[in-house]
Amino acid sequence: MKVLSAVPKLESAEEGKSIFVDDPNIDLECCAYLQAKAYKEIFNKKKKDASQSNQRLSVLKIKYDNRCIYRKYASKPIEGLKKDCIAISGNSEQQLNLPRNGERTVTVSKSYWFPFYWHHTNSATRISFRIGMWGLLIAIIGLGISIKTILI
């Protein structure tokens, strides 16, 4: 898919390379904007037929060369967003190391909630999730040790 820059309505943008997103409820850093029809192509089912958890959080893996990022699927009728295009923030473009000029094509595929939170753009969310996972692992190990000592 071709990449467009998603910028807030207040910023300036390059013609043909950027789209304006005027939605204060969605964080540009953790979302990727696609047309509504793209959901079926990526997830192999319509969004209304997906499970309730996938309707709330549909995660995309966006890959360019050896780098990949995880973003939430967001769909809105946005002027200038075509079927074969994806709109991501400027920071997401930098994380993928996309060139400023020339062909800017990425691979988009389905992903899951775990890598999305493990590699989240918000450091507070990412650190909280990682600490929680390490805590869960330590609790399971502690439970195993306590059961072993009771049985001996």
Protein backbone atom coordinates (compact mmCIF):
# COMPACT_ATOMS: atom_id res chain seq x y z
CA MET A 1 0.00 0.00 0.00
CA LYS A 2 1.11 3.53 -0.66
CA VAL A 3 1.77 5.73 2.37
CA LEU A 4 0.25 9.14 3.07
CA SER A 5 1.06 11.34 6.05
CA ALA A 6 -1.80 11.86 8.49
CA VAL A 7 -1.64 15.37 9.91
CA PRO A 8 -3.99 17.30 12.19
CA LYS A 9 -6.19 19.89 10.53
CA LEU A 10 -4.11 22.75 11.93
CA GLU A 11 -0.76 21.72 10.40
CA SER A 12 0.39 22.39 6.86
CA ALA A 13 0.68 19.46 4.51
CA GLU A 14 2.18 18.60 1.14
CA GLU A 15 -0.34 18.27 -1.67
CA GLY A 16 -0.79 14.65 -2.75
CA LYS A 17 1.36 13.26 0.07
CA SER A 18 -0.73 14.19 3.11
CA ILE A 19 -4.30 14.00 4.33
CA PHE A 20 -6.00 16.02 7.02
CA VAL A 21 -7.49 14.19 9.98
CA ASP A 22 -9.97 16.24 11.98
CA ASP A 23 -10.89 13.85 14.81
CA PRO A 24 -9.83 14.83 18.34
CA ASN A 25 -10.93 11.44 19.74
CA ILE A 26 -8.31 9.38 17.88
CA ASP A 27 -4.60 9.52 18.65
CA LEU A 28 -2.71 9.85 15.37
CA GLU A 29 0.36 8.11 16.78
CA CYS A 30 -1.29 4.76 17.48
CA CYS A 31 -3.67 4.61 14.49
CA ALA A 32 -3.38 3.82 10.80
CA TYR A 33 -6.13 5.14 8.57
CA LEU A 34 -7.51 3.02 5.75
CA GLN A 35 -10.69 2.92 3.73
CA ALA A 36 -13.50 0.85 5.24
CA LYS A 37 -13.25 -1.74 2.42
CA ALA A 38 -9.63 -2.47 3.34
CA TYR A 39 -10.72 -4.25 6.55
CA LYS A 40 -12.08 -7.24 4.61
CA GLU A 41 -8.91 -7.50 2.50
CA ILE A 42 -6.63 -7.55 5.55
CA PHE A 43 -8.70 -9.50 8.11
CA ASN A 44 -10.60 -11.76 5.65
CA LYS A 45 -14.00 -10.80 7.05
CA LYS A 46 -16.22 -7.78 7.35
CA LYS A 47 -15.81 -5.71 10.50
CA LYS A 48 -19.44 -6.33 11.52
CA ASP A 49 -18.76 -10.10 11.33
CA ALA A 50 -15.63 -9.91 13.50
CA SER A 51 -15.63 -10.79 17.18
CA GLN A 52 -16.47 -8.03 19.64
CA SER A 53 -12.86 -7.68 20.79
CA ASN A 54 -11.62 -7.37 17.19
CA GLN A 55 -14.23 -4.71 16.51
CA ARG A 56 -12.85 -2.63 19.38
CA LEU A 57 -9.15 -3.24 18.67
CA SER A 58 -8.10 -4.39 15.21
CA VAL A 59 -4.31 -4.35 14.99
CA LEU A 60 -2.27 -3.90 11.83
CA LYS A 61 1.35 -4.83 11.28
CA ILE A 62 2.93 -2.30 8.92
CA LYS A 63 6.25 -3.41 7.46
CA TYR A 64 8.86 -1.64 5.35
CA ASP A 65 12.18 -3.40 4.64
CA ASN A 66 13.22 -4.98 7.98
CA ARG A 67 11.28 -2.59 10.21
CA CYS A 68 7.72 -3.03 11.41
CA ILE A 69 5.29 -1.11 13.57
CA TYR A 70 1.92 -2.03 15.06
CA ARG A 71 -1.03 0.34 14.79
CA LYS A 72 -4.78 0.28 15.40
CA TYR A 73 -7.02 0.09 12.35
CA ALA A 74 -9.04 3.27 11.99
CA SER A 75 -11.51 3.96 9.22
CA LYS A 76 -13.17 7.24 8.45
CA PRO A 77 -14.33 8.83 5.24
CA ILE A 78 -11.28 11.02 4.62
CA GLU A 79 -10.92 13.06 1.47
CA GLY A 80 -7.86 11.96 -0.53
CA LEU A 81 -7.54 8.50 1.01
CA LYS A 82 -7.76 5.97 -1.82
CA LYS A 83 -8.25 2.21 -1.78
CA ASP A 84 -4.55 1.34 -2.07
CA CYS A 85 -3.35 3.95 0.45
CA ILE A 86 -2.68 3.99 4.17
CA ALA A 87 -2.27 7.14 6.26
CA ILE A 88 0.11 7.09 9.23
CA SER A 89 1.70 9.83 11.34
CA GLY A 90 5.06 11.41 10.62
CA ASN A 91 6.60 9.68 13.65
CA SER A 92 5.40 6.31 12.32
CA GLU A 93 7.04 7.10 8.98
CA GLN A 94 10.31 7.86 10.79
CA GLN A 95 10.10 4.61 12.78
CA LEU A 96 9.76 2.71 9.49
CA ASN A 97 12.60 4.78 8.00
CA LEU A 98 10.50 5.63 4.95
CA PRO A 99 12.14 7.78 2.27
CA ARG A 100 10.84 11.33 1.93
CA ASN A 101 10.65 11.13 -1.87
CA GLY A 102 10.07 8.36 -4.35
CA GLU A 103 8.12 5.15 -3.87
CA ARG A 104 6.71 4.80 -0.37
CA THR A 105 5.08 1.37 -0.33
CA VAL A 106 4.56 -0.72 2.80
CA THR A 107 3.17 -4.18 3.52
CA VAL A 108 0.10 -4.25 5.75
CA SER A 109 -1.07 -7.43 7.48
CA LYS A 110 -3.17 -8.57 10.41
CA SER A 111 -1.62 -8.68 13.87
CA TYR A 112 -2.68 -9.24 17.49
CA TRP A 113 -3.03 -7.25 20.69
CA PHE A 114 0.14 -8.52 22.41
CA PRO A 115 2.76 -7.00 20.05
CA PHE A 116 0.63 -3.85 19.77
CA TYR A 117 0.90 -3.21 23.51
CA TRP A 118 4.47 -4.54 23.80
CA HIS A 119 5.66 -2.02 21.16
CA HIS A 120 3.11 0.73 21.94
CA THR A 121 3.95 4.33 21.00
CA ASN A 122 2.99 5.68 24.43
CA SER A 123 5.78 4.84 26.88
CA ALA A 124 3.44 4.73 29.91
CA THR A 125 1.24 2.13 28.23
CA ARG A 126 4.22 0.12 27.01
CA ILE A 127 6.00 0.08 30.40
CA SER A 128 2.82 -0.75 32.32
CA PHE A 129 2.09 -3.65 29.99
CA ARG A 130 5.62 -5.03 30.21
CA ILE A 131 5.72 -4.77 34.02
CA GLY A 132 2.35 -6.53 34.16
CA MET A 133 3.59 -9.37 31.93
CA TRP A 134 6.76 -9.81 34.01
CA GLY A 135 4.63 -9.77 37.19
CA LEU A 136 2.37 -12.44 35.73
CA LEU A 137 5.37 -14.61 34.86
CA ILE A 138 6.82 -14.25 38.37
CA ALA A 139 3.42 -15.09 39.91
CA ILE A 140 3.14 -18.27 37.82
CA ILE A 141 6.66 -19.32 38.82
CA GLY A 142 5.86 -18.60 42.49
CA LEU A 143 2.65 -20.62 42.25
CA GLY A 144 4.55 -23.54 40.72
CA ILE A 145 7.17 -23.45 43.47
CA SER A 146 4.55 -23.29 46.24
CA ILE A 147 2.60 -26.24 44.79
CA LYS A 148 5.83 -28.21 44.49
CA THR A 149 6.75 -27.56 48.16
CA ILE A 150 3.24 -28.54 49.34
CA LEU A 151 3.38 -31.85 47.47
CA ILE A 152 6.81 -32.80 48.81
